[in-house]
N, C-alpha and C. Protein backbone atom coordinates (compact mmCIF):
# COMPACT_ATOMS: atom_id res chain seq x y z
N UNK A 1 -17.12 -16.52 -6.29
CA UNK A 1 -16.77 -15.45 -5.51
C UNK A 1 -16.05 -14.09 -6.31
N UNK A 2 -16.40 -12.85 -5.93
CA UNK A 2 -16.24 -11.67 -6.81
C UNK A 2 -14.87 -11.56 -6.78
N UNK A 3 -13.86 -11.47 -7.86
CA UNK A 3 -12.57 -11.08 -7.60
C UNK A 3 -12.09 -9.83 -8.76
N UNK A 4 -11.38 -9.05 -8.12
CA UNK A 4 -11.09 -7.59 -8.75
C UNK A 4 -9.59 -7.88 -9.01
N UNK A 5 -8.95 -7.33 -9.97
CA UNK A 5 -7.50 -7.36 -10.12
C UNK A 5 -6.83 -5.52 -10.63
N UNK A 6 -5.78 -5.41 -9.85
CA UNK A 6 -5.41 -3.98 -10.25
C UNK A 6 -4.26 -4.56 -10.77
N UNK A 7 -3.86 -3.60 -12.05
CA UNK A 7 -2.70 -4.22 -12.85
C UNK A 7 -1.50 -3.26 -12.37
N UNK A 8 -0.43 -3.47 -12.77
CA UNK A 8 0.73 -2.34 -12.58
C UNK A 8 0.44 -1.16 -13.51
N UNK A 9 -0.11 -1.19 -14.75
CA UNK A 9 -0.51 -0.38 -15.24
C UNK A 9 -1.55 0.70 -14.70
N UNK A 10 -2.21 0.37 -13.77
CA UNK A 10 -3.14 1.12 -13.03
C UNK A 10 -2.59 1.71 -11.91
N UNK A 11 -1.40 0.80 -11.63
CA UNK A 11 -0.75 1.51 -10.49
C UNK A 11 0.00 2.64 -10.66
N UNK A 12 0.47 2.45 -11.90
CA UNK A 12 1.61 3.67 -12.49
C UNK A 12 0.77 4.85 -12.86
N UNK A 13 -0.58 4.54 -13.62
CA UNK A 13 -1.14 5.77 -14.22
C UNK A 13 -2.21 6.48 -13.06
N UNK A 14 -2.24 5.74 -11.89
CA UNK A 14 -3.01 6.28 -10.89
C UNK A 14 -2.16 7.55 -10.42
N UNK A 15 -1.07 7.58 -10.18
CA UNK A 15 -0.16 8.62 -9.39
C UNK A 15 -0.09 8.69 -7.88
N UNK A 16 -0.78 7.80 -7.55
CA UNK A 16 -0.92 7.73 -5.99
C UNK A 16 0.87 6.92 -5.21
N UNK A 17 0.89 7.36 -4.05
CA UNK A 17 2.17 7.02 -3.68
C UNK A 17 2.00 5.69 -2.43
N UNK A 18 0.71 4.99 -2.33
CA UNK A 18 0.75 3.92 -1.33
C UNK A 18 -0.15 3.10 -1.57
N UNK A 19 0.25 1.64 -1.22
CA UNK A 19 -1.03 0.78 -1.47
C UNK A 19 -2.37 1.09 -1.23
N UNK A 20 -2.70 1.66 0.29
CA UNK A 20 -3.82 1.74 0.60
C UNK A 20 -4.85 2.69 -0.29
N UNK A 21 -4.08 3.69 -0.69
CA UNK A 21 -4.88 4.83 -1.66
C UNK A 21 -5.19 4.02 -2.89
N UNK A 22 -4.36 2.99 -3.38
CA UNK A 22 -4.57 2.36 -4.61
C UNK A 22 -5.55 1.36 -4.59
N UNK A 23 -5.76 0.79 -3.49
CA UNK A 23 -6.58 -0.65 -3.51
C UNK A 23 -7.78 0.12 -2.78
N UNK A 24 -8.20 1.05 -2.57
CA UNK A 24 -9.35 1.44 -1.99
C UNK A 24 -10.35 1.77 -2.97
N UNK A 25 -9.92 1.87 -4.26
CA UNK A 25 -10.64 1.73 -5.45
C UNK A 25 -11.39 0.73 -6.29
N UNK A 26 -10.88 -0.49 -5.46
CA UNK A 26 -11.40 -1.37 -6.00
C UNK A 26 -12.88 -1.70 -5.28
N UNK A 27 -13.71 -2.32 -6.09
CA UNK A 27 -15.44 -2.47 -5.91
C UNK A 27 -15.16 -3.29 -4.18
N UNK A 28 -15.82 -2.79 -3.76
CA UNK A 28 -16.03 -3.77 -2.51
C UNK A 28 -15.05 -3.40 -1.23
N UNK A 29 -14.01 -2.44 -1.45
CA UNK A 29 -13.00 -2.36 -0.32
C UNK A 29 -13.53 -0.84 0.00
N UNK A 30 -13.01 -0.77 1.38
CA UNK A 30 -12.94 0.28 2.20
C UNK A 30 -11.85 0.51 3.17
N UNK A 31 -11.49 1.95 2.71
CA UNK A 31 -10.15 2.41 3.26
C UNK A 31 -10.53 3.39 4.43
N UNK A 32 -10.14 3.16 5.68
CA UNK A 32 -10.16 4.43 6.66
C UNK A 32 -9.03 4.90 7.04
N UNK A 33 -8.79 6.29 6.91
CA UNK A 33 -7.70 6.66 7.10
C UNK A 33 -7.54 7.28 8.64
N UNK A 34 -6.99 6.73 9.37
CA UNK A 34 -7.05 6.92 10.64
C UNK A 34 -6.20 8.26 10.94
N UNK A 35 -5.12 8.31 10.87
CA UNK A 35 -4.27 9.44 10.68
C UNK A 35 -3.29 9.38 9.70
N UNK A 36 -2.38 10.30 9.66
CA UNK A 36 -1.46 10.47 8.27
C UNK A 36 -0.91 9.24 8.09
N UNK A 37 -0.59 8.70 8.88
CA UNK A 37 0.27 7.45 8.52
C UNK A 37 -0.51 6.10 8.94
N UNK A 38 -1.50 6.24 9.39
CA UNK A 38 -2.26 4.67 9.68
C UNK A 38 -3.67 4.66 8.78
N UNK A 39 -3.84 3.48 8.40
CA UNK A 39 -5.04 3.19 7.47
C UNK A 39 -5.58 1.75 8.36
N UNK A 40 -6.57 1.84 7.69
CA UNK A 40 -7.59 0.50 8.21
C UNK A 40 -8.01 0.37 7.05
N UNK A 41 -7.95 -0.90 6.28
CA UNK A 41 -8.32 -1.39 5.03
C UNK A 41 -9.21 -2.64 5.28
N UNK A 42 -10.38 -2.94 4.80
CA UNK A 42 -11.29 -3.79 4.84
C UNK A 42 -11.82 -4.10 3.23
N UNK A 43 -12.37 -5.66 3.40
CA UNK A 43 -13.21 -5.71 2.24
C UNK A 43 -14.79 -5.89 2.94
N UNK A 44 -15.61 -5.59 2.16
CA UNK A 44 -17.03 -5.56 2.69
C UNK A 44 -17.18 -5.10 3.94
N UNK A 45 -16.56 -3.62 4.25
CA UNK A 45 -16.85 -3.12 5.49
C UNK A 45 -16.20 -3.96 6.66
N UNK A 46 -16.83 -3.38 8.07
CA UNK A 46 -16.12 -3.65 9.41
C UNK A 46 -14.50 -3.49 9.42
N UNK A 47 -14.37 -2.39 9.22
CA UNK A 47 -12.93 -2.20 9.16
C UNK A 47 -12.57 -1.34 10.66
N UNK A 48 -11.49 -1.62 11.18
CA UNK A 48 -10.84 -0.90 12.32
C UNK A 48 -9.61 -0.99 11.99
N UNK A 49 -8.63 -0.43 13.03
CA UNK A 49 -7.20 -0.28 12.87
C UNK A 49 -6.75 -2.06 13.19
N UNK A 50 -7.27 -2.19 14.24
CA UNK A 50 -6.77 -3.44 14.87
C UNK A 50 -8.14 -4.57 14.79
N UNK A 51 -7.74 -5.48 13.50
CA UNK A 51 -8.99 -6.14 13.02
C UNK A 51 -8.32 -7.20 12.07
N UNK A 52 -8.89 -8.31 12.07
CA UNK A 52 -8.33 -9.62 11.58
C UNK A 52 -9.33 -10.16 10.42
N UNK A 53 -10.19 -9.41 9.91
CA UNK A 53 -11.02 -9.85 9.09
C UNK A 53 -10.93 -9.92 7.63
N UNK A 54 -9.83 -9.11 7.17
CA UNK A 54 -9.27 -9.36 5.71
C UNK A 54 -8.05 -9.63 5.82
N UNK A 55 -7.45 -10.78 5.01
CA UNK A 55 -6.19 -11.24 4.96
C UNK A 55 -5.30 -10.70 3.90
N UNK A 56 -4.43 -10.04 4.22
CA UNK A 56 -3.32 -9.16 3.25
C UNK A 56 -2.24 -10.27 3.10
N UNK A 57 -1.83 -10.45 1.82
CA UNK A 57 -0.92 -11.44 1.34
C UNK A 57 0.18 -10.66 0.32
N UNK A 58 1.52 -11.08 0.33
CA UNK A 58 2.37 -10.73 -0.70
C UNK A 58 2.82 -12.04 -1.19
N UNK A 59 2.21 -12.08 -2.63
CA UNK A 59 2.88 -13.18 -3.25
C UNK A 59 2.49 -14.61 -2.41
N UNK A 60 1.49 -14.69 -1.78
CA UNK A 60 0.89 -15.97 -1.14
C UNK A 60 1.21 -15.60 0.29
N UNK A 61 2.04 -14.85 0.80
CA UNK A 61 2.83 -15.08 2.28
C UNK A 61 1.96 -14.01 3.26
N UNK A 62 1.78 -14.16 4.05
CA UNK A 62 0.86 -13.37 5.06
C UNK A 62 1.55 -12.16 5.54
N UNK A 63 0.81 -11.12 5.25
CA UNK A 63 1.72 -9.78 5.41
C UNK A 63 0.78 -8.73 6.62
N UNK A 64 0.03 -9.70 7.25
CA UNK A 64 -0.68 -8.88 8.29
C UNK A 64 0.43 -8.54 9.55
N UNK A 65 0.04 -7.82 10.48
CA UNK A 65 0.99 -7.79 11.71
C UNK A 65 0.50 -8.81 12.40
N UNK A 66 1.80 -9.53 13.00
CA UNK A 66 1.41 -10.74 13.81
C UNK A 66 1.12 -10.22 15.40
N UNK A 67 1.40 -8.99 15.72
CA UNK A 67 0.89 -8.64 16.97
C UNK A 67 -0.72 -8.21 16.96
N UNK A 68 -0.99 -7.06 16.06
CA UNK A 68 -2.26 -6.75 16.20
C UNK A 68 -3.09 -7.04 15.19
N UNK A 69 -2.58 -7.74 14.04
CA UNK A 69 -3.52 -8.31 13.29
C UNK A 69 -3.66 -7.36 12.20
N UNK A 70 -4.78 -6.96 11.17
CA UNK A 70 -4.84 -6.22 10.29
C UNK A 70 -3.56 -5.94 9.29
N UNK A 71 -3.57 -5.17 8.19
CA UNK A 71 -2.46 -5.11 7.33
C UNK A 71 -1.69 -3.73 7.56
N UNK A 72 -0.42 -4.14 7.30
CA UNK A 72 0.59 -3.29 7.61
C UNK A 72 1.42 -3.09 6.40
N UNK A 73 0.83 -2.66 5.45
CA UNK A 73 1.58 -2.22 4.03
C UNK A 73 2.25 -1.24 4.03
N UNK A 74 2.35 -0.12 4.74
CA UNK A 74 3.17 0.87 4.97
C UNK A 74 4.30 0.35 5.80
N UNK A 75 4.57 -0.46 6.35
CA UNK A 75 5.60 -0.80 7.16
C UNK A 75 6.41 -2.42 6.35
N UNK A 76 5.91 -2.64 5.09
CA UNK A 76 6.73 -3.42 4.61
C UNK A 76 7.26 -3.04 3.35
N UNK A 77 8.55 -3.46 3.20
CA UNK A 77 9.46 -2.93 1.95
C UNK A 77 9.00 -3.51 0.66
N UNK A 78 7.50 -2.89 0.26
CA UNK A 78 7.40 -3.27 -0.84
C UNK A 78 7.20 -2.34 -1.92
N UNK A 79 7.92 -1.92 -3.14
CA UNK A 79 8.14 -0.52 -3.71
C UNK A 79 6.65 -0.80 -4.95
N UNK A 80 6.06 0.21 -5.01
CA UNK A 80 5.04 -0.12 -6.09
C UNK A 80 5.17 -0.57 -7.54
N UNK A 81 6.60 -0.09 -8.00
CA UNK A 81 6.95 -0.62 -9.25
C UNK A 81 7.30 -2.19 -9.33
N UNK A 82 7.49 -2.54 -8.09
CA UNK A 82 7.55 -4.25 -8.21
C UNK A 82 6.13 -5.00 -8.47
N UNK A 83 4.98 -4.58 -8.21
CA UNK A 83 3.91 -5.07 -7.84
C UNK A 83 3.61 -5.24 -9.46
N UNK A 84 3.08 -6.71 -9.74
CA UNK A 84 2.71 -7.11 -10.98
C UNK A 84 1.43 -6.73 -11.05
N UNK A 85 0.50 -7.22 -9.93
CA UNK A 85 -0.98 -7.28 -10.02
C UNK A 85 -1.28 -7.26 -8.45
N UNK A 86 -2.36 -6.78 -8.30
CA UNK A 86 -3.10 -6.95 -6.78
C UNK A 86 -4.41 -7.51 -7.14
N UNK A 87 -4.57 -8.80 -6.51
CA UNK A 87 -5.53 -9.56 -6.50
C UNK A 87 -6.64 -9.46 -5.36
N UNK A 88 -7.86 -9.24 -5.50
CA UNK A 88 -8.73 -8.75 -4.53
C UNK A 88 -10.13 -9.57 -4.42
N UNK A 89 -10.18 -10.56 -3.42
CA UNK A 89 -11.37 -11.72 -3.37
C UNK A 89 -12.32 -11.08 -2.31
N UNK A 90 -13.09 -10.73 -2.97
CA UNK A 90 -14.44 -10.17 -1.74
C UNK A 90 -15.18 -11.40 -1.61
N UNK A 91 -15.36 -11.59 -0.28
CA UNK A 91 -16.35 -12.83 0.28
C UNK A 91 -15.33 -13.71 1.15
N UNK A 92 -16.02 -14.50 1.81
CA UNK A 92 -15.47 -15.42 2.78
C UNK A 92 -14.53 -16.25 2.13
N UNK A 93 -13.43 -16.18 2.65
CA UNK A 93 -12.29 -17.37 1.89
C UNK A 93 -11.78 -18.02 3.11
N UNK A 94 -12.19 -18.38 4.15
CA UNK A 94 -11.74 -19.12 5.09
C UNK A 94 -11.31 -20.44 4.96
N UNK A 95 -12.25 -21.09 4.02
CA UNK A 95 -12.14 -22.30 3.59
C UNK A 95 -10.74 -22.46 3.01
N UNK A 96 -10.45 -21.45 2.11
CA UNK A 96 -9.13 -21.69 1.39
C UNK A 96 -7.98 -21.14 2.24
N UNK A 97 -8.16 -19.88 2.55
CA UNK A 97 -6.90 -19.27 3.45
C UNK A 97 -6.87 -19.40 4.90
N UNK A 98 -8.01 -19.67 5.51
CA UNK A 98 -7.82 -19.59 7.31
C UNK A 98 -8.79 -18.72 7.61
N UNK A 99 -8.96 -18.62 9.07
CA UNK A 99 -9.85 -17.87 9.79
C UNK A 99 -9.69 -16.51 9.32
N UNK A 100 -8.67 -15.73 9.28
CA UNK A 100 -8.14 -14.34 8.98
C UNK A 100 -8.72 -13.94 7.57
N UNK A 101 -9.36 -14.76 6.99
CA UNK A 101 -9.92 -14.43 5.60
C UNK A 101 -11.62 -14.37 5.34
N UNK A 102 -12.21 -14.08 6.78
CA UNK A 102 -13.49 -13.95 6.76
C UNK A 102 -14.29 -12.79 5.83
N UNK A 103 -13.67 -11.73 5.60
CA UNK A 103 -14.27 -10.78 4.68
C UNK A 103 -13.67 -10.65 3.26
N UNK A 104 -12.34 -11.27 3.15
CA UNK A 104 -11.87 -11.57 1.90
C UNK A 104 -10.37 -11.36 1.88
N UNK A 105 -9.89 -11.52 0.88
CA UNK A 105 -8.28 -11.58 1.00
C UNK A 105 -7.79 -10.63 -0.28
N UNK A 106 -6.46 -9.98 0.15
CA UNK A 106 -6.00 -8.98 -0.88
C UNK A 106 -4.44 -9.78 -1.05
N UNK A 107 -4.29 -10.07 -2.24
CA UNK A 107 -2.79 -10.70 -2.54
C UNK A 107 -2.08 -9.71 -3.83
N UNK A 108 -0.98 -9.27 -3.25
CA UNK A 108 -0.26 -8.28 -3.65
C UNK A 108 0.88 -9.45 -4.56
N UNK A 109 0.80 -9.55 -5.81
CA UNK A 109 1.81 -10.38 -6.53
C UNK A 109 2.90 -9.21 -7.05
N UNK A 110 3.94 -9.63 -7.05
CA UNK A 110 5.11 -9.12 -7.38
C UNK A 110 5.65 -9.39 -8.47
N UNK A 111 6.58 -8.64 -9.43
CA UNK A 111 7.34 -9.04 -10.75
C UNK A 111 8.52 -9.80 -10.33
N UNK A 112 8.92 -10.54 -11.47
CA UNK A 112 10.27 -11.55 -11.21
C UNK A 112 11.32 -10.41 -11.56
N UNK A 113 12.33 -10.61 -10.87
CA UNK A 113 13.39 -9.64 -11.09
C UNK A 113 13.99 -9.74 -12.61
N UNK A 114 13.82 -10.80 -13.36
CA UNK A 114 14.13 -10.72 -14.52
C UNK A 114 13.42 -9.97 -15.79
N UNK A 115 12.08 -9.31 -15.31
CA UNK A 115 11.38 -8.37 -16.18
C UNK A 115 12.10 -6.98 -16.16
N UNK A 116 12.70 -6.55 -15.23
CA UNK A 116 13.17 -5.09 -15.50
C UNK A 116 14.70 -5.32 -15.14
N UNK A 117 15.52 -5.50 -15.77
CA UNK A 117 17.10 -5.75 -15.84
C UNK A 117 17.65 -4.09 -15.98
N UNK A 118 18.58 -3.71 -14.97
CA UNK A 118 18.96 -2.53 -15.03
C UNK A 118 18.77 -1.73 -13.69
N UNK A 119 19.02 -0.47 -13.86
CA UNK A 119 19.11 0.67 -12.64
C UNK A 119 17.90 1.42 -12.61
N UNK A 120 17.37 1.70 -11.25
CA UNK A 120 16.28 2.51 -11.35
C UNK A 120 16.29 3.32 -10.34
N UNK A 121 15.83 4.75 -10.37
CA UNK A 121 15.73 5.62 -9.41
C UNK A 121 14.41 6.35 -9.52
N UNK A 122 13.82 6.53 -8.38
CA UNK A 122 12.45 7.22 -8.35
C UNK A 122 12.29 7.97 -7.05
N UNK A 123 11.69 9.16 -7.33
CA UNK A 123 11.33 9.90 -6.04
C UNK A 123 10.06 10.53 -6.14
N UNK A 124 9.17 10.66 -5.49
CA UNK A 124 7.94 10.97 -5.43
C UNK A 124 7.71 11.90 -4.21
N UNK A 125 6.59 12.84 -4.04
CA UNK A 125 5.93 13.53 -3.10
C UNK A 125 4.57 13.74 -3.06
N UNK A 126 4.14 13.59 -2.20
CA UNK A 126 2.46 13.70 -2.10
C UNK A 126 2.01 15.22 -1.57
N UNK A 127 0.62 14.96 -1.65
CA UNK A 127 -0.15 16.37 -1.06
C UNK A 127 0.12 16.57 0.28
N UNK A 128 0.49 15.75 1.10
CA UNK A 128 0.80 16.15 2.38
C UNK A 128 2.31 16.42 3.04
N UNK A 129 3.38 16.17 1.84
CA UNK A 129 4.72 16.59 2.10
C UNK A 129 5.61 15.34 2.42
N UNK A 130 4.95 14.03 2.28
CA UNK A 130 5.66 12.80 2.44
C UNK A 130 6.54 12.70 1.22
N UNK A 131 7.61 12.18 1.23
CA UNK A 131 8.58 11.86 0.46
C UNK A 131 8.83 10.15 0.46
N UNK A 132 9.17 9.89 -1.20
CA UNK A 132 9.32 8.37 -1.32
C UNK A 132 10.21 8.45 -2.24
N UNK A 133 11.36 8.00 -1.88
CA UNK A 133 12.73 7.80 -2.67
C UNK A 133 13.35 6.39 -2.65
N UNK A 134 13.64 5.87 -3.73
CA UNK A 134 14.22 4.61 -3.84
C UNK A 134 15.16 4.45 -5.07
N UNK A 135 16.24 3.82 -5.15
CA UNK A 135 17.16 3.26 -5.83
C UNK A 135 17.44 1.77 -5.97
N UNK A 136 17.37 1.34 -7.19
CA UNK A 136 17.34 -0.01 -7.20
C UNK A 136 18.33 -0.48 -8.38
N UNK A 137 18.57 -1.95 -8.34
CA UNK A 137 19.61 -2.85 -9.60
C UNK A 137 19.06 -3.92 -9.29
N UNK A 138 18.65 -4.32 -10.58
CA UNK A 138 18.10 -5.73 -11.04
C UNK A 138 19.17 -6.37 -12.09
N UNK A 139 19.46 -7.54 -11.84
CA UNK A 139 20.50 -8.31 -12.76
C UNK A 139 20.35 -9.71 -12.95
N UNK A 140 20.97 -10.58 -13.64
CA UNK A 140 21.06 -11.98 -13.81
C UNK A 140 21.64 -12.36 -14.46
N UNK A 141 22.19 -13.73 -13.74
CA UNK A 141 23.25 -14.67 -14.62
C UNK A 141 22.96 -15.84 -14.30
N UNK A 142 23.46 -16.62 -15.40
CA UNK A 142 23.10 -18.40 -15.10
C UNK A 142 21.48 -18.37 -14.84
N UNK A 143 21.68 -19.02 -13.73
CA UNK A 143 20.22 -19.44 -13.05
C UNK A 143 19.56 -18.52 -11.79
N UNK A 144 20.36 -17.24 -11.91
CA UNK A 144 20.29 -16.62 -10.75
C UNK A 144 19.55 -14.94 -11.10
N UNK A 145 18.46 -14.67 -10.41
CA UNK A 145 18.01 -13.39 -10.78
C UNK A 145 17.76 -12.76 -9.55
N UNK A 146 18.31 -11.46 -9.32
CA UNK A 146 18.01 -10.70 -8.12
C UNK A 146 17.85 -9.07 -8.30
N UNK A 147 17.22 -8.68 -7.24
CA UNK A 147 16.92 -7.29 -7.31
C UNK A 147 17.42 -6.91 -5.89
N UNK A 148 17.87 -5.36 -6.09
CA UNK A 148 18.58 -5.08 -4.83
C UNK A 148 17.82 -3.74 -4.79
N UNK A 149 16.93 -3.32 -3.91
CA UNK A 149 16.24 -1.68 -3.78
C UNK A 149 16.65 -1.36 -2.19
N UNK A 150 16.96 0.02 -2.35
CA UNK A 150 16.94 0.78 -1.29
C UNK A 150 16.00 1.64 -1.38
N UNK A 151 15.21 2.12 -0.31
CA UNK A 151 14.27 3.35 -0.19
C UNK A 151 14.22 3.83 1.26
N UNK A 152 13.84 5.32 1.11
CA UNK A 152 13.80 6.10 2.08
C UNK A 152 12.66 6.93 2.10
N UNK A 153 11.64 6.89 3.29
CA UNK A 153 10.50 7.53 2.91
C UNK A 153 10.47 8.20 4.24
N UNK A 154 9.88 9.65 4.14
CA UNK A 154 9.69 10.53 5.36
C UNK A 154 8.20 10.85 5.24
N UNK A 155 7.68 10.60 6.46
CA UNK A 155 6.12 10.96 6.66
C UNK A 155 6.14 11.68 7.76
N UNK A 156 5.22 12.80 7.36
CA UNK A 156 5.02 13.86 8.58
C UNK A 156 3.70 13.43 9.12
N UNK A 157 3.68 13.39 10.45
CA UNK A 157 2.60 13.00 11.40
C UNK A 157 1.44 14.11 11.25
N UNK A 158 0.20 13.73 11.55
CA UNK A 158 -0.71 14.80 11.66
C UNK A 158 -0.75 16.00 12.68
N UNK A 159 -0.12 15.35 13.91
CA UNK A 159 0.06 16.75 14.52
C UNK A 159 1.25 17.71 13.71
N UNK A 160 2.23 16.99 13.30
CA UNK A 160 3.24 17.72 12.58
C UNK A 160 2.65 18.73 11.53
N UNK A 161 1.76 18.02 11.04
CA UNK A 161 1.22 18.66 9.80
C UNK A 161 0.33 20.06 10.47
N UNK A 162 -0.36 19.68 11.33
CA UNK A 162 -1.33 20.73 11.95
C UNK A 162 -0.46 21.92 12.26
N UNK A 163 0.87 21.43 13.21
CA UNK A 163 1.64 22.39 13.73
C UNK A 163 2.23 23.30 12.48
N UNK A 164 2.54 22.72 11.58
CA UNK A 164 3.44 23.29 10.44
C UNK A 164 2.54 24.11 9.53
N UNK A 165 1.14 24.04 9.79
CA UNK A 165 0.27 24.69 8.88
C UNK A 165 0.28 25.99 9.11
N UNK A 166 0.63 27.07 8.18
CA UNK A 166 1.09 28.40 8.28
C UNK A 166 -0.18 29.44 8.53
N UNK A 167 -1.62 28.56 7.95
CA UNK A 167 -2.85 29.22 7.89
C UNK A 167 -2.81 30.16 8.93
N UNK A 168 -3.19 31.25 9.17
CA UNK A 168 -3.71 32.19 10.31
C UNK A 168 -5.23 32.25 10.13
N UNK A 169 -5.96 32.49 11.15
CA UNK A 169 -7.22 32.96 11.11
C UNK A 169 -7.33 34.18 10.65
N UNK A 170 -6.28 35.18 11.20
CA UNK A 170 -6.23 36.57 11.04
C UNK A 170 -6.22 37.06 9.55
N UNK A 171 -5.40 36.18 8.72
CA UNK A 171 -5.44 36.26 7.13
C UNK A 171 -6.32 35.77 6.90
N UNK A 172 -7.28 35.03 7.19
CA UNK A 172 -8.41 34.85 6.30
C UNK A 172 -9.54 35.82 6.69
N UNK A 173 -9.92 36.62 7.88
CA UNK A 173 -10.41 37.42 8.37
C UNK A 173 -10.14 39.12 7.54
N UNK A 174 -8.95 39.38 7.12
CA UNK A 174 -8.37 40.12 6.42
C UNK A 174 -8.70 40.21 5.15
N UNK A 175 -8.95 39.18 4.63
CA UNK A 175 -9.30 38.66 3.17
C UNK A 175 -10.72 39.13 2.79
N UNK A 176 -11.57 38.79 3.66
CA UNK A 176 -12.85 39.00 3.56
C UNK A 176 -13.51 40.45 3.35
């Protein structure tokens, strides 16, 4: 079975701001951007927003929507700097993972809290004006490791992006 791995260095150097955009560059993965805030992600095609053909996991636990199936990676509080690697298995995985792994499996493996002890602050903005800000604290004592992260995301909907677009057709005609 073909497997691809995206490492934390790949994620950091990509400059991308969400998991869908990062995962789409793996071989055999297709991402359909339905609108500014909704994506359909599938391995080996057959991608729709409401589809259960590709199983999405975080540390081996199901991360698909319980109502509509399909991945909901934008709705899950998973920060990009917490990801150690993303494993993408292309091909039928129903015998190992169950019926929802018909086309493949995408497993996001997170870092353990003891890897990055201390404070962190991060803020980024993408080409659509979406803002992603997070602040975190990681520490350990005795047998306990913990991570506390708070994040705030603002997404501009597709209709707002079109409405707020200040491009006027008359401006274009004047410049010609």
